[in-house]
Amino acid sequence: MLTVSMPVDAVEIAHKRVSLAAEDLDGNRVATVLLEMARAWGVPALWEQVCRPLLAQLPGRTAIEIAVEHALCEGVRVGLDVYLREPGRSLPTGGVLLAGAEKEAHCLGLNALSAALREQGRGCLHLGPALPWRALPSAVNRARPRTVVLWSQTPVTGRAYRLVRFARDFPLLRVYGAGPGWIEPLTAPANHLGTLPAAVAACLAASPGRDAHHIRYGSVPYR
């Protein structure tokens, strides 16, 4: 598993710089600071020690707090999305498909995972937030991934029983739930990923030599 190892002083500086930029509602400055830190310490450390704590401590109750939260989220999204991205250059996906759970509007954790995989020279198929449950099997049948990571931010969208049923319907897939929304236990064959380093390790563990297009999937209806 990848090691999270930003020193305390670097974390404190990053928190101050990012917080000040967000309070100024300057998402571009947030993204700039995060890009600097990602280049210095790597995405897993940046996400676990800077982004997650700052996102978690925002109360989002008053009008200005909501505006600051939006500026922070947008800056994080942009910073992670542009990190090591080269237009026109395709990275091998390694058979990894990422998506947000149905009605889940927040999936910054998947942006972090995508950026961390690029850091390892790997790409992914990132379908973004709020993928309907009925669309997930169709996406799998078309893309033929080996690994699926579904993000849930809140218990409203973290339907553990649906993810477990999906994993049972597609037994050749490695199926993971990521994010804090999966409060009910994920039972086999689905598994929960609690940290970004764990998610990166799980995605990299799939054998890159295996030809996903030769995997035979069942045509199982899914509701």
Protein backbone atom coordinates (compact mmCIF):
# COMPACT_ATOMS: atom_id res chain seq x y z
CA MET A 1 0.00 0.00 0.00
CA LEU A 2 1.16 3.52 -0.77
CA THR A 3 2.48 5.46 2.21
CA VAL A 4 1.03 8.79 3.35
CA SER A 5 3.96 10.83 4.56
CA MET A 6 3.56 14.60 4.40
CA PRO A 7 5.47 16.14 7.34
CA VAL A 8 3.47 18.07 9.91
CA ASP A 9 4.86 21.48 8.95
CA ALA A 10 4.01 20.96 5.27
CA VAL A 11 0.47 19.92 6.22
CA GLU A 12 -0.02 23.02 8.37
CA ILE A 13 1.24 25.31 5.61
CA ALA A 14 -1.00 23.62 3.04
CA HIS A 15 -4.06 23.92 5.31
CA LYS A 16 -3.45 27.64 5.82
CA ARG A 17 -2.85 28.41 2.14
CA VAL A 18 -5.81 26.41 0.89
CA SER A 19 -8.15 27.75 3.59
CA LEU A 20 -7.21 31.37 2.86
CA ALA A 21 -7.75 30.85 -0.87
CA ALA A 22 -11.17 29.26 -0.26
CA GLU A 23 -12.18 32.05 2.12
CA ASP A 24 -11.31 34.50 -0.66
CA LEU A 25 -13.58 32.40 -2.91
CA ASP A 26 -10.60 31.90 -5.21
CA GLY A 27 -10.96 28.38 -6.57
CA ASN A 28 -8.12 28.88 -9.04
CA ARG A 29 -5.73 29.67 -6.19
CA VAL A 30 -6.93 26.59 -4.32
CA ALA A 31 -6.15 24.51 -7.41
CA THR A 32 -2.72 26.13 -7.79
CA VAL A 33 -1.73 25.37 -4.19
CA LEU A 34 -2.94 21.77 -4.49
CA LEU A 35 -0.99 21.25 -7.71
CA GLU A 36 2.18 22.46 -5.98
CA MET A 37 1.61 20.10 -3.08
CA ALA A 38 0.74 17.16 -5.31
CA ARG A 39 3.99 17.57 -7.23
CA ALA A 40 5.92 17.74 -3.96
CA TRP A 41 4.23 14.97 -1.93
CA GLY A 42 1.98 12.96 -4.24
CA VAL A 43 -1.80 12.74 -4.50
CA PRO A 44 -2.50 10.13 -1.78
CA ALA A 45 -0.71 12.18 0.87
CA LEU A 46 -2.32 15.41 -0.33
CA TRP A 47 -5.81 13.91 -0.30
CA GLU A 48 -5.58 12.13 3.05
CA GLN A 49 -3.77 14.87 4.97
CA VAL A 50 -5.00 18.09 3.37
CA CYS A 51 -8.12 17.74 1.21
CA ARG A 52 -10.16 15.33 3.31
CA PRO A 53 -9.65 17.17 6.63
CA LEU A 54 -10.42 20.58 5.11
CA LEU A 55 -13.54 19.31 3.34
CA ALA A 56 -14.75 17.57 6.50
CA GLN A 57 -14.40 20.59 8.78
CA LEU A 58 -16.51 22.97 6.68
CA PRO A 59 -19.86 23.42 8.46
CA GLY A 60 -21.70 24.75 5.40
CA ARG A 61 -24.51 26.32 7.45
CA THR A 62 -24.44 30.05 6.71
CA ALA A 63 -24.54 31.60 3.26
CA ILE A 64 -20.85 32.54 3.31
CA GLU A 65 -19.84 29.12 4.63
CA ILE A 66 -21.68 27.51 1.73
CA ALA A 67 -19.92 29.84 -0.73
CA VAL A 68 -16.53 28.99 0.79
CA GLU A 69 -17.33 25.28 0.59
CA HIS A 70 -18.19 25.63 -3.10
CA ALA A 71 -14.95 27.50 -3.81
CA LEU A 72 -12.95 24.84 -1.99
CA CYS A 73 -14.69 21.94 -3.74
CA GLU A 74 -14.29 23.52 -7.16
CA GLY A 75 -10.62 24.27 -6.53
CA VAL A 76 -10.00 20.70 -5.37
CA ARG A 77 -11.84 19.31 -8.39
CA VAL A 78 -9.92 21.44 -10.88
CA GLY A 79 -6.55 20.85 -9.24
CA LEU A 80 -6.99 17.07 -9.21
CA ASP A 81 -8.47 16.96 -12.69
CA VAL A 82 -5.59 18.79 -14.40
CA TYR A 83 -2.79 17.09 -12.44
CA LEU A 84 -0.58 15.11 -14.88
CA ARG A 85 -3.30 15.23 -17.51
CA GLU A 86 -2.00 15.58 -21.06
CA PRO A 87 -4.68 16.19 -23.71
CA GLY A 88 -4.33 13.71 -26.53
CA ARG A 89 -2.31 11.24 -24.47
CA SER A 90 -4.17 8.12 -23.44
CA LEU A 91 -3.04 6.13 -20.43
CA PRO A 92 -3.81 2.41 -20.11
CA THR A 93 -6.97 2.12 -18.03
CA GLY A 94 -5.98 -1.17 -16.44
CA GLY A 95 -9.66 -2.12 -16.65
CA VAL A 96 -10.70 0.34 -13.91
CA LEU A 97 -14.14 1.99 -13.99
CA LEU A 98 -15.05 4.75 -11.51
CA ALA A 99 -18.47 6.29 -10.92
CA GLY A 100 -20.55 8.06 -8.32
CA ALA A 101 -23.57 6.23 -6.92
CA GLU A 102 -27.04 7.13 -8.12
CA LYS A 103 -28.05 10.66 -6.98
CA GLU A 104 -24.58 11.23 -5.55
CA ALA A 105 -23.51 14.73 -6.57
CA HIS A 106 -20.13 14.71 -4.80
CA CYS A 107 -17.34 12.43 -5.96
CA LEU A 108 -14.12 14.37 -5.35
CA GLY A 109 -12.66 11.16 -3.96
CA LEU A 110 -12.86 9.66 -7.45
CA ASN A 111 -11.08 12.69 -8.90
CA ALA A 112 -8.36 12.02 -6.35
CA LEU A 113 -8.22 8.34 -7.27
CA SER A 114 -8.04 9.16 -10.97
CA ALA A 115 -5.19 11.63 -10.35
CA ALA A 116 -3.36 9.13 -8.13
CA LEU A 117 -3.62 6.47 -10.84
CA ARG A 118 -2.18 8.89 -13.42
CA GLU A 119 0.66 9.41 -10.97
CA GLN A 120 1.32 5.67 -11.31
CA GLY A 121 1.18 5.81 -15.11
CA ARG A 122 -2.34 4.36 -15.24
CA GLY A 123 -5.61 5.77 -16.43
CA CYS A 124 -9.22 4.80 -15.74
CA LEU A 125 -12.73 5.19 -17.10
CA HIS A 126 -14.24 7.92 -14.91
CA LEU A 127 -17.99 8.28 -15.49
CA GLY A 128 -18.49 11.09 -12.96
CA PRO A 129 -21.17 11.55 -10.30
CA ALA A 130 -24.73 10.22 -10.06
CA LEU A 131 -24.59 7.19 -12.35
CA PRO A 132 -28.04 5.52 -12.14
CA TRP A 133 -27.98 1.97 -10.82
CA ARG A 134 -29.65 0.73 -13.99
CA ALA A 135 -26.84 2.26 -16.08
CA LEU A 136 -24.02 0.56 -14.18
CA PRO A 137 -24.46 -2.95 -15.67
CA SER A 138 -24.72 -1.45 -19.15
CA ALA A 139 -21.49 0.49 -18.61
CA VAL A 140 -19.77 -2.69 -17.44
CA ASN A 141 -21.00 -4.71 -20.40
CA ARG A 142 -19.75 -2.05 -22.79
CA ALA A 143 -16.42 -1.15 -21.16
CA ARG A 144 -15.47 -4.65 -19.90
CA PRO A 145 -13.56 -3.44 -16.81
CA ARG A 146 -11.92 -5.70 -14.26
CA THR A 147 -12.43 -3.33 -11.32
CA VAL A 148 -15.38 -1.08 -10.44
CA VAL A 149 -15.22 1.58 -7.71
CA LEU A 150 -18.49 3.26 -6.78
CA TRP A 151 -18.37 6.42 -4.65
CA SER A 152 -20.95 7.39 -2.03
CA GLN A 153 -20.62 10.52 0.09
CA THR A 154 -23.76 10.18 2.25
CA PRO A 155 -25.88 7.29 3.58
CA VAL A 156 -28.69 8.50 1.31
CA THR A 157 -26.77 7.24 -1.73
CA GLY A 158 -24.76 4.42 -0.13
CA ARG A 159 -27.11 1.52 -0.81
CA ALA A 160 -24.94 -1.37 0.31
CA TYR A 161 -27.44 -4.07 -0.66
CA ARG A 162 -27.51 -2.82 -4.26
CA LEU A 163 -23.74 -2.81 -4.58
CA VAL A 164 -23.50 -6.31 -3.11
CA ARG A 165 -26.19 -7.55 -5.50
CA PHE A 166 -24.37 -5.94 -8.42
CA ALA A 167 -21.13 -7.66 -7.36
CA ARG A 168 -22.93 -11.01 -7.24
CA ASP A 169 -24.40 -10.46 -10.69
CA PHE A 170 -20.91 -9.80 -12.09
CA PRO A 171 -18.70 -12.33 -10.27
CA LEU A 172 -15.66 -11.73 -12.50
CA LEU A 173 -15.44 -8.11 -11.36
CA ARG A 174 -13.62 -6.69 -8.37
CA VAL A 175 -16.31 -4.43 -6.89
CA TYR A 176 -15.56 -1.78 -4.29
CA GLY A 177 -17.53 0.90 -2.49
CA ALA A 178 -15.54 4.02 -1.60
CA GLY A 179 -16.42 7.10 0.41
CA PRO A 180 -18.10 7.66 3.80
CA GLY A 181 -21.64 6.93 2.58
CA TRP A 182 -21.43 3.15 2.93
CA ILE A 183 -22.45 2.97 6.59
CA GLU A 184 -23.99 -0.49 6.24
CA PRO A 185 -21.40 -3.27 5.94
CA LEU A 186 -20.40 -4.28 2.45
CA THR A 187 -20.36 -8.07 2.38
CA ALA A 188 -18.55 -10.33 -0.07
CA PRO A 189 -18.12 -10.19 -2.97
CA ALA A 190 -18.17 -6.38 -2.59
CA ASN A 191 -15.57 -4.65 -0.42
CA HIS A 192 -15.11 -1.21 1.13
CA LEU A 193 -12.13 1.07 0.48
CA GLY A 194 -11.49 3.39 3.40
CA THR A 195 -8.50 5.39 2.18
CA LEU A 196 -7.07 6.63 -1.10
CA PRO A 197 -3.86 4.58 -0.73
CA ALA A 198 -6.03 1.47 -0.30
CA ALA A 199 -8.06 2.38 -3.39
CA VAL A 200 -4.94 2.94 -5.51
CA ALA A 201 -3.50 -0.38 -4.36
CA ALA A 202 -6.76 -2.20 -5.18
CA CYS A 203 -6.93 -0.69 -8.67
CA LEU A 204 -3.28 -1.47 -9.40
CA ALA A 205 -3.68 -5.04 -8.15
CA ALA A 206 -5.77 -6.06 -11.16
CA SER A 207 -3.54 -7.92 -13.59
CA PRO A 208 -2.74 -5.53 -16.46
CA GLY A 209 -1.93 -8.44 -18.72
CA ARG A 210 -5.40 -9.89 -18.64
CA ASP A 211 -7.49 -9.04 -21.69
CA ALA A 212 -10.75 -7.63 -20.35
CA HIS A 213 -12.45 -7.97 -23.73
CA HIS A 214 -12.25 -11.76 -23.38
CA ILE A 215 -14.11 -11.77 -20.08
CA ARG A 216 -17.61 -13.16 -20.55
CA TYR A 217 -20.24 -11.25 -18.59
CA GLY A 218 -23.71 -12.46 -17.94
CA SER A 219 -26.63 -10.51 -19.34
CA VAL A 220 -28.29 -10.06 -15.94
CA PRO A 221 -31.18 -7.59 -15.61
CA TYR A 222 -30.50 -5.11 -12.83
CA ARG A 223 -33.00 -2.88 -11.11
